[in-house]
Protein backbone atom coordinates (compact mmCIF):
# COMPACT_ATOMS: atom_id res chain seq x y z
CA MET A 1 -34.42 88.26 -100.42
CA GLN A 2 -32.72 91.49 -101.37
CA GLN A 3 -29.00 91.95 -101.04
CA ALA A 4 -27.81 94.74 -98.83
CA LYS A 5 -26.70 97.76 -100.79
CA GLN A 6 -23.08 98.60 -100.22
CA ILE A 7 -23.27 102.24 -99.26
CA THR A 8 -20.89 104.69 -97.71
CA PRO A 9 -22.38 105.99 -94.48
CA VAL A 10 -22.52 109.69 -93.87
CA MET A 11 -19.34 110.57 -92.06
CA GLY A 12 -19.62 113.02 -89.21
CA ILE A 13 -16.80 115.47 -88.63
CA GLY A 14 -16.41 116.71 -85.08
CA THR A 15 -20.01 115.94 -84.18
CA ALA A 16 -19.45 113.03 -81.82
CA GLU A 17 -20.47 113.34 -78.18
CA PRO A 18 -19.25 111.10 -75.34
CA SER A 19 -22.65 109.42 -75.48
CA ASP A 20 -21.94 108.37 -79.08
CA TYR A 21 -18.82 106.48 -78.04
CA TRP A 22 -20.79 104.91 -75.21
CA ALA A 23 -23.44 103.85 -77.75
CA LEU A 24 -20.71 102.30 -79.93
CA MET A 25 -20.03 99.89 -77.09
CA LYS A 26 -23.59 98.49 -77.17
CA PRO A 27 -24.24 99.06 -73.45
CA ARG A 28 -27.37 96.89 -73.30
CA VAL A 29 -25.49 93.92 -74.70
CA MET A 30 -22.51 94.76 -72.49
CA SER A 31 -24.67 94.59 -69.37
CA LEU A 32 -25.53 90.95 -70.10
CA VAL A 33 -21.90 90.15 -70.89
CA VAL A 34 -20.63 91.75 -67.68
CA PHE A 35 -23.26 90.09 -65.52
CA THR A 36 -22.73 86.57 -66.87
CA ALA A 37 -18.94 87.02 -66.66
CA TRP A 38 -19.29 88.10 -63.04
CA VAL A 39 -21.40 85.02 -62.29
CA GLY A 40 -18.75 82.81 -63.89
CA PHE A 41 -16.12 84.50 -61.74
CA ILE A 42 -17.90 84.22 -58.39
CA CYS A 43 -19.04 80.65 -59.02
CA ALA A 44 -15.43 79.50 -59.31
CA PRO A 45 -14.15 77.52 -56.29
CA VAL A 46 -11.61 80.16 -55.26
CA ASN A 47 -11.64 83.26 -53.10
CA PRO A 48 -10.02 86.10 -55.09
CA SER A 49 -9.73 89.65 -53.81
CA LEU A 50 -12.37 92.28 -54.53
CA SER A 51 -9.83 94.41 -56.39
CA ASN A 52 -8.95 91.51 -58.65
CA MET A 53 -12.62 90.81 -59.39
CA ILE A 54 -13.23 94.46 -60.26
CA ALA A 55 -10.21 94.54 -62.58
CA VAL A 56 -11.30 91.37 -64.35
CA ILE A 57 -14.89 92.56 -64.84
CA ILE A 58 -13.72 95.94 -66.19
CA CYS A 59 -11.46 94.20 -68.70
CA ILE A 60 -14.29 91.95 -69.88
CA ALA A 61 -16.63 94.97 -70.14
CA VAL A 62 -14.09 96.89 -72.22
CA GLY A 63 -13.56 93.85 -74.44
CA ALA A 64 -17.32 93.55 -74.98
CA GLY A 65 -17.50 97.26 -75.79
CA ALA A 66 -14.64 96.89 -78.25
CA SER A 67 -16.51 94.10 -80.01
CA GLY A 68 -19.58 96.32 -80.30
CA ALA A 69 -17.57 99.20 -81.76
CA LEU A 70 -15.88 96.96 -84.33
CA ASN A 71 -19.26 95.49 -85.25
CA MET A 72 -20.80 98.93 -85.78
CA ALA A 73 -17.84 100.13 -87.83
CA TYR A 74 -18.23 97.27 -90.31
CA ASP A 75 -22.04 97.09 -90.31
CA ALA A 76 -22.65 100.79 -90.95
CA ASP A 77 -23.98 100.06 -94.46
CA ILE A 78 -26.70 97.66 -93.33
CA ASP A 79 -27.40 99.58 -90.11
CA ALA A 80 -28.32 102.58 -92.27
CA LEU A 81 -30.99 100.49 -94.02
CA MET A 82 -32.69 99.14 -90.91
CA THR A 83 -35.12 101.22 -88.87
CA ARG A 84 -33.96 99.53 -85.66
CA THR A 85 -30.30 100.50 -86.17
CA ARG A 86 -30.14 103.56 -88.39
CA GLN A 87 -29.77 105.92 -85.42
CA ARG A 88 -26.55 104.26 -84.32
CA PRO A 89 -23.56 106.65 -84.21
CA VAL A 90 -21.89 105.60 -87.49
CA PRO A 91 -24.86 105.48 -89.91
CA ARG A 92 -26.22 108.80 -88.66
CA GLY A 93 -22.84 110.42 -89.13
CA ALA A 94 -21.84 111.19 -85.55
CA VAL A 95 -18.76 108.94 -85.66
CA ARG A 96 -16.68 107.95 -88.68
CA ALA A 97 -16.48 104.24 -89.44
CA GLU A 98 -12.69 104.50 -89.35
CA THR A 99 -12.82 106.18 -85.95
CA ALA A 100 -15.14 103.50 -84.57
CA GLN A 101 -12.79 100.82 -85.85
CA THR A 102 -9.73 102.47 -84.29
CA PHE A 103 -11.64 102.92 -81.05
CA GLY A 104 -12.53 99.23 -81.04
CA VAL A 105 -9.01 98.03 -81.83
CA ILE A 106 -7.41 100.16 -79.10
CA MET A 107 -9.93 99.00 -76.51
CA SER A 108 -9.40 95.37 -77.56
CA PHE A 109 -5.66 95.54 -76.98
CA PHE A 110 -6.16 97.32 -73.67
CA ALA A 111 -8.73 94.79 -72.44
CA VAL A 112 -6.76 91.69 -73.41
CA LEU A 113 -3.40 92.92 -72.16
CA THR A 114 -4.81 94.19 -68.87
CA LEU A 115 -6.75 90.97 -68.27
CA TRP A 116 -3.55 89.01 -68.82
CA LEU A 117 -1.78 91.12 -66.20
CA ALA A 118 -4.76 91.04 -63.79
CA SER A 119 -5.43 87.29 -64.06
CA ASN A 120 -3.81 84.84 -66.47
CA TYR A 121 -3.07 84.09 -70.10
CA LEU A 122 -5.97 81.65 -70.47
CA ALA A 123 -8.64 84.23 -69.60
CA ALA A 124 -6.91 86.83 -71.78
CA GLY A 125 -6.68 84.36 -74.65
CA ILE A 126 -10.39 83.49 -74.47
CA LEU A 127 -11.27 87.19 -74.37
CA ALA A 128 -9.08 87.86 -77.41
CA PHE A 129 -10.70 84.97 -79.27
CA THR A 130 -14.16 86.23 -78.29
CA VAL A 131 -13.50 89.70 -79.71
CA PHE A 132 -12.07 88.15 -82.90
CA PHE A 133 -14.97 85.71 -83.20
CA TYR A 134 -17.61 88.44 -82.88
CA ALA A 135 -15.89 91.17 -84.91
CA VAL A 136 -14.51 88.99 -87.70
CA ILE A 137 -16.08 85.53 -87.90
CA TYR A 138 -19.63 86.62 -87.02
CA THR A 139 -19.77 90.23 -88.24
CA ARG A 140 -17.72 89.94 -91.43
CA TRP A 141 -18.67 86.42 -92.49
CA LEU A 142 -21.53 84.59 -90.78
CA LYS A 143 -23.98 87.46 -90.41
CA ARG A 144 -24.25 88.12 -94.15
CA SER A 145 -23.78 84.62 -95.49
CA THR A 146 -25.90 82.05 -93.60
CA PRO A 147 -29.18 81.77 -91.69
CA GLN A 148 -27.14 79.90 -89.07
CA ASN A 149 -25.39 83.20 -88.29
CA ILE A 150 -26.98 83.51 -84.86
CA VAL A 151 -26.52 79.82 -84.01
CA ILE A 152 -22.78 79.77 -84.67
CA GLY A 153 -22.18 83.42 -83.85
CA GLY A 154 -23.94 82.98 -80.52
CA ALA A 155 -20.74 81.45 -79.18
CA ALA A 156 -19.28 84.96 -78.88
CA GLY A 157 -21.94 85.95 -76.36
CA ALA A 158 -21.61 82.65 -74.51
CA PHE A 159 -17.90 82.93 -73.65
CA PRO A 160 -18.08 85.60 -70.86
CA PRO A 161 -18.88 83.23 -67.93
CA MET A 162 -16.11 80.97 -69.18
CA ILE A 163 -13.74 83.96 -69.21
CA GLY A 164 -14.79 84.88 -65.68
CA TRP A 165 -14.23 81.30 -64.48
CA ALA A 166 -10.85 81.10 -66.23
CA ALA A 167 -9.80 84.45 -64.74
CA ALA A 168 -10.51 83.13 -61.25
CA THR A 169 -9.11 79.61 -61.63
CA GLY A 170 -6.82 79.57 -64.65
CA THR A 171 -8.77 76.59 -66.01
CA ILE A 172 -11.78 75.58 -68.10
CA SER A 173 -14.09 73.16 -66.31
CA LEU A 174 -17.38 71.34 -66.80
CA GLU A 175 -19.11 74.06 -64.75
CA SER A 176 -17.92 76.83 -67.05
CA VAL A 177 -18.84 74.79 -70.15
CA ILE A 178 -22.39 74.35 -68.81
CA MET A 179 -22.72 78.12 -68.32
CA PHE A 180 -21.43 78.58 -71.87
CA LEU A 181 -24.02 76.12 -73.21
CA ILE A 182 -26.91 77.84 -71.43
CA ILE A 183 -26.18 81.14 -73.21
CA PHE A 184 -25.32 79.39 -76.49
CA LEU A 185 -28.68 77.59 -76.57
CA TRP A 186 -30.57 80.68 -75.36
CA THR A 187 -29.27 82.84 -78.20
CA PRO A 188 -31.19 81.41 -81.20
CA PRO A 189 -34.70 81.60 -79.69
CA HIS A 190 -33.88 85.05 -78.29
CA PHE A 191 -32.78 86.51 -81.63
CA TRP A 192 -35.15 84.54 -83.84
CA ALA A 193 -38.09 85.84 -81.82
CA LEU A 194 -36.90 89.35 -82.71
CA ALA A 195 -36.26 88.35 -86.32
CA LEU A 196 -39.83 87.06 -86.68
CA TYR A 197 -41.32 90.51 -86.15
CA LYS A 198 -38.43 92.37 -87.79
CA THR A 199 -38.42 90.28 -90.96
CA GLY A 200 -39.06 93.34 -93.11
CA ASP A 201 -36.09 95.15 -91.61
CA TYR A 202 -33.72 92.24 -92.18
CA ASP A 203 -35.04 91.77 -95.70
CA LYS A 204 -34.33 95.40 -96.58
CA ALA A 205 -30.77 94.99 -95.33
CA GLY A 206 -30.26 91.65 -97.07
CA ILE A 207 -29.40 89.79 -93.85
CA PRO A 208 -30.20 86.06 -94.16
CA MET A 209 -31.97 85.61 -90.84
CA MET A 210 -33.81 82.33 -90.36
CA PRO A 211 -37.35 83.66 -91.03
CA ASN A 212 -36.21 85.35 -94.24
CA VAL A 213 -34.51 82.23 -95.59
CA ARG A 214 -36.30 79.20 -94.13
CA GLY A 215 -39.65 80.85 -93.49
CA ALA A 216 -41.59 81.87 -90.41
CA ALA A 217 -43.13 78.44 -89.72
CA SER A 218 -39.75 76.70 -89.70
CA THR A 219 -38.29 79.39 -87.44
CA ARG A 220 -41.16 79.14 -84.96
CA PHE A 221 -40.69 75.36 -84.74
CA GLN A 222 -36.93 75.69 -84.25
CA ILE A 223 -37.52 78.19 -81.44
CA LEU A 224 -39.62 75.60 -79.62
CA ILE A 225 -37.00 72.87 -80.11
CA TYR A 226 -34.23 75.11 -78.79
CA ALA A 227 -36.39 76.07 -75.80
CA LEU A 228 -36.80 72.39 -74.90
CA ILE A 229 -33.08 71.65 -75.26
CA LEU A 230 -32.28 74.76 -73.23
CA THR A 231 -34.57 73.55 -70.45
CA ILE A 232 -32.77 70.21 -70.24
CA THR A 233 -29.38 71.94 -70.21
CA CYS A 234 -30.44 74.34 -67.45
CA LEU A 235 -31.23 71.38 -65.21
CA VAL A 236 -27.74 69.90 -65.53
CA PRO A 237 -26.23 72.11 -62.75
CA VAL A 238 -28.79 70.65 -60.35
CA PHE A 239 -27.35 67.15 -60.86
CA THR A 240 -23.68 68.14 -60.98
CA GLY A 241 -23.80 69.93 -57.64
CA GLN A 242 -23.11 73.28 -59.26
CA ALA A 243 -26.39 74.72 -57.95
CA GLY A 244 -28.75 74.43 -55.01
CA THR A 245 -32.37 75.07 -54.09
CA ILE A 246 -32.63 78.67 -55.28
CA TYR A 247 -31.36 77.80 -58.73
CA THR A 248 -33.40 74.60 -58.97
CA ILE A 249 -36.70 76.34 -58.25
CA SER A 250 -35.80 79.33 -60.43
CA ALA A 251 -34.69 77.16 -63.35
CA ILE A 252 -37.92 75.15 -63.28
CA VAL A 253 -40.16 78.23 -63.13
CA LEU A 254 -38.20 80.24 -65.69
CA ASN A 255 -38.01 77.39 -68.18
CA VAL A 256 -41.70 76.53 -67.83
CA ILE A 257 -42.45 80.14 -68.77
CA PHE A 258 -39.85 80.13 -71.57
CA VAL A 259 -41.22 76.93 -73.10
CA GLY A 260 -44.79 78.19 -72.67
CA LEU A 261 -44.01 81.41 -74.54
CA SER A 262 -42.15 79.43 -77.22
CA LEU A 263 -45.18 77.18 -77.60
CA LYS A 264 -47.34 80.27 -78.14
CA VAL A 265 -44.88 81.47 -80.80
CA TRP A 266 -45.04 78.08 -82.53
CA ARG A 267 -48.84 78.24 -82.60
CA SER A 268 -48.92 81.89 -83.71
CA ALA A 269 -48.66 83.53 -87.11
CA ALA A 270 -45.59 85.54 -86.10
CA GLY A 271 -43.50 86.54 -89.10
CA GLU A 272 -46.04 85.41 -91.71
CA ARG A 273 -46.84 88.87 -93.02
CA PRO A 274 -43.75 91.06 -92.65
CA ASP A 275 -44.41 94.77 -92.46
CA LEU A 276 -41.93 96.57 -94.69
CA SER A 277 -42.74 99.82 -92.96
CA ASP A 278 -41.68 98.35 -89.61
CA ASP A 279 -40.95 101.13 -87.13
CA ALA A 280 -37.86 101.37 -84.95
CA SER A 281 -39.48 100.10 -81.76
CA LEU A 282 -38.38 96.76 -80.37
CA TYR A 283 -41.74 96.20 -78.71
CA ALA A 284 -44.54 97.95 -80.66
CA VAL A 285 -45.73 95.24 -83.05
CA LYS A 286 -48.83 94.20 -84.95
CA THR A 287 -51.19 91.73 -83.29
CA GLY A 288 -49.93 88.61 -85.07
CA ASP A 289 -46.38 89.18 -83.87
CA LYS A 290 -47.10 89.72 -80.18
CA ALA A 291 -46.17 86.16 -79.22
CA ALA A 292 -42.69 86.63 -80.70
CA ARG A 293 -42.35 90.05 -79.09
CA ASN A 294 -43.31 88.63 -75.69
CA LEU A 295 -40.76 85.83 -75.96
CA PHE A 296 -38.04 88.26 -76.97
CA ALA A 297 -38.81 90.56 -74.03
CA PHE A 298 -38.97 87.71 -71.52
CA SER A 299 -35.79 86.08 -72.83
CA ILE A 300 -33.74 89.07 -71.62
CA ILE A 301 -35.23 88.80 -68.13
CA TYR A 302 -34.75 85.03 -68.29
CA LEU A 303 -31.00 85.16 -68.83
CA PHE A 304 -30.44 87.68 -66.03
CA ALA A 305 -32.65 85.63 -63.71
CA ILE A 306 -31.17 82.21 -64.45
CA PHE A 307 -27.62 83.45 -63.90
CA GLY A 308 -28.74 85.53 -60.92
CA ALA A 309 -30.15 82.40 -59.30
CA LEU A 310 -26.91 80.54 -59.96
CA ALA A 311 -24.96 83.39 -58.38
CA ALA A 312 -27.27 83.52 -55.36
CA ASP A 313 -26.86 79.82 -54.72
CA ASN A 314 -23.08 80.02 -54.90
CA ILE A 315 -22.89 83.11 -52.70
CA LEU A 316 -25.10 81.51 -50.05
CA LEU A 317 -23.26 78.20 -50.21
CA GLY A 318 -19.97 80.05 -49.81
CA ALA A 319 -21.31 81.93 -46.78
CA ILE A 320 -22.35 78.76 -44.96
């Protein structure tokens, strides 16, 4: 596998638009973070005010955006080499890497400090650790050094419901840990499905994703194993009393589909013949990679749906 070339991205001077700063915050990723954090907050056994909930969610959203900006500032060299990421604000020269970094640092301090004032030190501390984990441990170390980057680094994306729960209760409980584990176990099959049909892109950038290092067959098998473990974990709330009928039915249906799609990936040839001329689309793929593409697309719906069902159960139970 090639090593990523250390290049200096083209630096834009005065060309940034408000939309570029919005893009720095990775809004698609932020939407998942905000939603799962909100679910963690409303599932907590307390009744906080609407204004407090809004303040907490805004702080978590800003913290997630800060993480995205810090990630893009550091990853500008490899983003410029990958078709999927080369139109991000820093590699295309709209925003300087230094500016993106400053933007991220300022937002981080604002988010953590405001969350402390709006809720408690525990929630603020977890948010601060989450930003540090994603921007430093994952981005600067794990991502470029090990094929387990997504497995370990996935913890950063799994903390939001725990932050929401801690903001509401001031504690960490079994319920919040279960929500953390659902996202933590969802992350590898989600990203490895993408990596299977973007192997050429990751190879050009020198990123040691699982298919590039361990091979496509091993990655497909690991996706299936994670899908099975995820299914078991998703059923835990049913037995702990954390969820009711809506979640139970949703979890069974969603995980049957998730495992079924993972089984198709395992039986497919996804990732076997990487296309070095891979285009920038997340979804337009060659025939052999369609199983991986389908799993990746469904996995996004899956996470929204599984947490949405958990939220629905808790809202209805609280209304009764």
